[in-house]
C-alpha cells in the first residue's frame, strides 16, 4: 500500500516500494486475473497477507484499549488528555486502513478459489 488504499504488485520488491514512496509516483494497479484460479504461490502470499493484517488489527485493538484506559486516567490533565486523544485518533485511522487492506486481500483470496 502506498497510502492510497490500493494494493499494488511491486515486482521490484521493497526497493520499488521505497522508490515509489519517495517519489510519490503511483505504480499501476494490478488488474484482476482472467484465470479462474491463481497460482499456488499467489494464494499462499494472499493467505500470509491476510494473516499479517489480522495480527496488525489485533495489535491496533489492544493499543486502542490501552489508550482509552489512559484517556480515562488523564481526564483532569488536559495536556496529557490531548496527547492521548491525538494518538488514539491516529491508531483509529491506522486500524481503518488495515481493515480496508484486509477486506481487499480477503476478497482477492475468495476470487482465487479459497
C-alpha atoms as a PDB file:
ATOM      1  CA  UNK A   1       0.000   0.000   0.000  1.00  0.00           C
ATOM      2  CA  UNK A   2       1.281   3.390  -0.919  1.00  0.00           C
ATOM      3  CA  UNK A   3      -1.079   5.349   1.311  1.00  0.00           C
ATOM      4  CA  UNK A   4      -3.990   5.478  -1.116  1.00  0.00           C
ATOM      5  CA  UNK A   5      -5.761   2.309  -0.004  1.00  0.00           C
ATOM      6  CA  UNK A   6      -4.818   0.379  -3.153  1.00  0.00           C
ATOM      7  CA  UNK A   7      -2.749  -2.797  -3.190  1.00  0.00           C
ATOM      8  CA  UNK A   8      -0.216  -2.999  -5.955  1.00  0.00           C
ATOM      9  CA  UNK A   9       2.016  -5.640  -7.458  1.00  0.00           C
ATOM     10  CA  UNK A  10       5.593  -4.487  -6.997  1.00  0.00           C
ATOM     11  CA  UNK A  11       7.870  -6.940  -8.790  1.00  0.00           C
ATOM     12  CA  UNK A  12      10.890  -4.886  -7.666  1.00  0.00           C
ATOM     13  CA  UNK A  13      10.114  -5.665  -4.032  1.00  0.00           C
ATOM     14  CA  UNK A  14      10.948  -3.333  -1.177  1.00  0.00           C
ATOM     15  CA  UNK A  15      13.310  -1.275  -3.355  1.00  0.00           C
ATOM     16  CA  UNK A  16      10.472  -0.409  -5.739  1.00  0.00           C
ATOM     17  CA  UNK A  17       8.175   0.330  -2.789  1.00  0.00           C
ATOM     18  CA  UNK A  18      10.681   2.709  -1.218  1.00  0.00           C
ATOM     19  CA  UNK A  19      11.314   4.412  -4.549  1.00  0.00           C
ATOM     20  CA  UNK A  20       7.591   4.914  -5.145  1.00  0.00           C
ATOM     21  CA  UNK A  21       7.087   6.260  -1.632  1.00  0.00           C
ATOM     22  CA  UNK A  22       9.985   8.688  -2.071  1.00  0.00           C
ATOM     23  CA  UNK A  23       8.901   9.985  -5.468  1.00  0.00           C
ATOM     24  CA  UNK A  24       5.161   9.875  -4.899  1.00  0.00           C
ATOM     25  CA  UNK A  25       4.651   8.143  -8.255  1.00  0.00           C
ATOM     26  CA  UNK A  26       1.950   5.542  -8.258  1.00  0.00           C
ATOM     27  CA  UNK A  27       2.539   2.070  -9.613  1.00  0.00           C
ATOM     28  CA  UNK A  28      -0.138   0.727 -11.920  1.00  0.00           C
ATOM     29  CA  UNK A  29      -2.938  -1.028 -10.086  1.00  0.00           C
ATOM     30  CA  UNK A  30      -2.843  -4.776 -10.567  1.00  0.00           C
ATOM     31  CA  UNK A  31      -5.675  -5.954 -12.785  1.00  0.00           C
ATOM     32  CA  UNK A  32      -7.987  -8.821 -11.953  1.00  0.00           C
ATOM     33  CA  UNK A  33      -6.779 -12.139 -13.139  1.00  0.00           C
ATOM     34  CA  UNK A  34      -8.679 -13.655 -16.013  1.00  0.00           C
ATOM     35  CA  UNK A  35      -7.875 -17.175 -14.899  1.00  0.00           C
ATOM     36  CA  UNK A  36     -10.399 -18.914 -12.682  1.00  0.00           C
ATOM     37  CA  UNK A  37      -7.692 -19.911 -10.216  1.00  0.00           C
ATOM     38  CA  UNK A  38      -4.494 -18.156  -9.227  1.00  0.00           C
ATOM     39  CA  UNK A  39      -1.248 -19.971  -8.810  1.00  0.00           C
ATOM     40  CA  UNK A  40      -0.462 -21.669  -5.538  1.00  0.00           C
ATOM     41  CA  UNK A  41       2.196 -19.062  -4.789  1.00  0.00           C
ATOM     42  CA  UNK A  42      -0.273 -16.203  -5.188  1.00  0.00           C
ATOM     43  CA  UNK A  43      -2.780 -17.903  -2.907  1.00  0.00           C
ATOM     44  CA  UNK A  44      -0.065 -18.544  -0.325  1.00  0.00           C
ATOM     45  CA  UNK A  45       1.022 -14.905  -0.474  1.00  0.00           C
ATOM     46  CA  UNK A  46      -2.575 -13.728  -0.046  1.00  0.00           C
ATOM     47  CA  UNK A  47      -3.058 -16.018   2.954  1.00  0.00           C
ATOM     48  CA  UNK A  48       0.109 -14.626   4.525  1.00  0.00           C
ATOM     49  CA  UNK A  49      -1.057 -11.071   3.873  1.00  0.00           C
ATOM     50  CA  UNK A  50      -4.478 -11.756   5.427  1.00  0.00           C
ATOM     51  CA  UNK A  51      -2.830 -13.307   8.498  1.00  0.00           C
ATOM     52  CA  UNK A  52      -0.401 -10.373   8.818  1.00  0.00           C
ATOM     53  CA  UNK A  53      -3.240  -7.870   8.574  1.00  0.00           C
ATOM     54  CA  UNK A  54      -5.277  -9.771  11.173  1.00  0.00           C
ATOM     55  CA  UNK A  55      -2.335  -9.646  13.606  1.00  0.00           C
ATOM     56  CA  UNK A  56      -1.858  -5.939  12.950  1.00  0.00           C
ATOM     57  CA  UNK A  57      -5.579  -5.268  13.531  1.00  0.00           C
ATOM     58  CA  UNK A  58      -5.410  -7.184  16.814  1.00  0.00           C
ATOM     59  CA  UNK A  59      -2.428  -5.079  17.930  1.00  0.00           C
ATOM     60  CA  UNK A  60      -4.310  -1.922  16.945  1.00  0.00           C
ATOM     61  CA  UNK A  61      -7.318  -3.061  19.008  1.00  0.00           C
ATOM     62  CA  UNK A  62      -5.051  -3.642  22.011  1.00  0.00           C
ATOM     63  CA  UNK A  63      -3.467  -0.206  21.567  1.00  0.00           C
ATOM     64  CA  UNK A  64      -6.912   1.419  21.308  1.00  0.00           C
ATOM     65  CA  UNK A  65      -7.991  -0.243  24.556  1.00  0.00           C
ATOM     66  CA  UNK A  66      -4.778   0.888  26.248  1.00  0.00           C
ATOM     67  CA  UNK A  67      -5.268   4.464  25.024  1.00  0.00           C
ATOM     68  CA  UNK A  68      -8.917   4.512  26.109  1.00  0.00           C
ATOM     69  CA  UNK A  69      -7.801   3.496  29.602  1.00  0.00           C
ATOM     70  CA  UNK A  70      -5.122   6.204  29.530  1.00  0.00           C
ATOM     71  CA  UNK A  71      -7.764   8.670  28.380  1.00  0.00           C
ATOM     72  CA  UNK A  72      -9.870   7.906  31.434  1.00  0.00           C
ATOM     73  CA  UNK A  73      -6.916   8.266  33.800  1.00  0.00           C
ATOM     74  CA  UNK A  74      -5.867  11.577  32.202  1.00  0.00           C
ATOM     75  CA  UNK A  75      -9.311  13.120  32.445  1.00  0.00           C
ATOM     76  CA  UNK A  76      -8.130  16.022  34.633  1.00  0.00           C
ATOM     77  CA  UNK A  77      -4.820  16.717  32.846  1.00  0.00           C
ATOM     78  CA  UNK A  78      -5.827  18.463  29.635  1.00  0.00           C
ATOM     79  CA  UNK A  79      -2.315  18.336  28.103  1.00  0.00           C
ATOM     80  CA  UNK A  80      -1.986  14.595  28.669  1.00  0.00           C
ATOM     81  CA  UNK A  81      -5.573  14.084  27.541  1.00  0.00           C
ATOM     82  CA  UNK A  82      -4.898  15.955  24.288  1.00  0.00           C
ATOM     83  CA  UNK A  83      -1.834  13.780  23.609  1.00  0.00           C
ATOM     84  CA  UNK A  84      -3.756  10.587  24.301  1.00  0.00           C
ATOM     85  CA  UNK A  85      -6.688  11.673  22.132  1.00  0.00           C
ATOM     86  CA  UNK A  86      -4.347  12.549  19.258  1.00  0.00           C
ATOM     87  CA  UNK A  87      -2.630   9.169  19.454  1.00  0.00           C
ATOM     88  CA  UNK A  88      -5.999   7.426  19.746  1.00  0.00           C
ATOM     89  CA  UNK A  89      -7.181   9.181  16.605  1.00  0.00           C
ATOM     90  CA  UNK A  90      -4.032   8.123  14.735  1.00  0.00           C
ATOM     91  CA  UNK A  91      -4.407   4.490  15.814  1.00  0.00           C
ATOM     92  CA  UNK A  92      -8.069   4.509  14.765  1.00  0.00           C
ATOM     93  CA  UNK A  93      -7.101   5.795  11.299  1.00  0.00           C
ATOM     94  CA  UNK A  94      -4.405   3.125  11.049  1.00  0.00           C
ATOM     95  CA  UNK A  95      -6.925   0.452  12.039  1.00  0.00           C
ATOM     96  CA  UNK A  96      -9.373   1.593   9.350  1.00  0.00           C
ATOM     97  CA  UNK A  97      -6.586   1.364   6.751  1.00  0.00           C
ATOM     98  CA  UNK A  98      -5.696  -2.128   7.981  1.00  0.00           C
ATOM     99  CA  UNK A  99      -9.341  -3.196   7.788  1.00  0.00           C
ATOM    100  CA  UNK A 100      -9.630  -1.911   4.217  1.00  0.00           C
ATOM    101  CA  UNK A 101      -6.456  -3.747   3.208  1.00  0.00           C
ATOM    102  CA  UNK A 102      -7.731  -6.897   4.938  1.00  0.00           C
ATOM    103  CA  UNK A 103     -11.051  -6.686   3.098  1.00  0.00           C
ATOM    104  CA  UNK A 104      -9.249  -6.248  -0.214  1.00  0.00           C
ATOM    105  CA  UNK A 105      -6.884  -9.180   0.421  1.00  0.00           C
ATOM    106  CA  UNK A 106      -9.731 -11.406   1.654  1.00  0.00           C
ATOM    107  CA  UNK A 107     -11.788 -10.564  -1.424  1.00  0.00           C
ATOM    108  CA  UNK A 108      -8.861 -11.436  -3.698  1.00  0.00           C
ATOM    109  CA  UNK A 109      -8.396 -14.705  -1.837  1.00  0.00           C
ATOM    110  CA  UNK A 110     -12.080 -15.573  -2.317  1.00  0.00           C
ATOM    111  CA  UNK A 111     -11.889 -14.736  -6.017  1.00  0.00           C
ATOM    112  CA  UNK A 112      -8.917 -17.053  -6.390  1.00  0.00           C
ATOM    113  CA  UNK A 113     -10.817 -20.031  -5.081  1.00  0.00           C
ATOM    114  CA  UNK A 114     -10.010 -20.175  -1.376  1.00  0.00           C
END
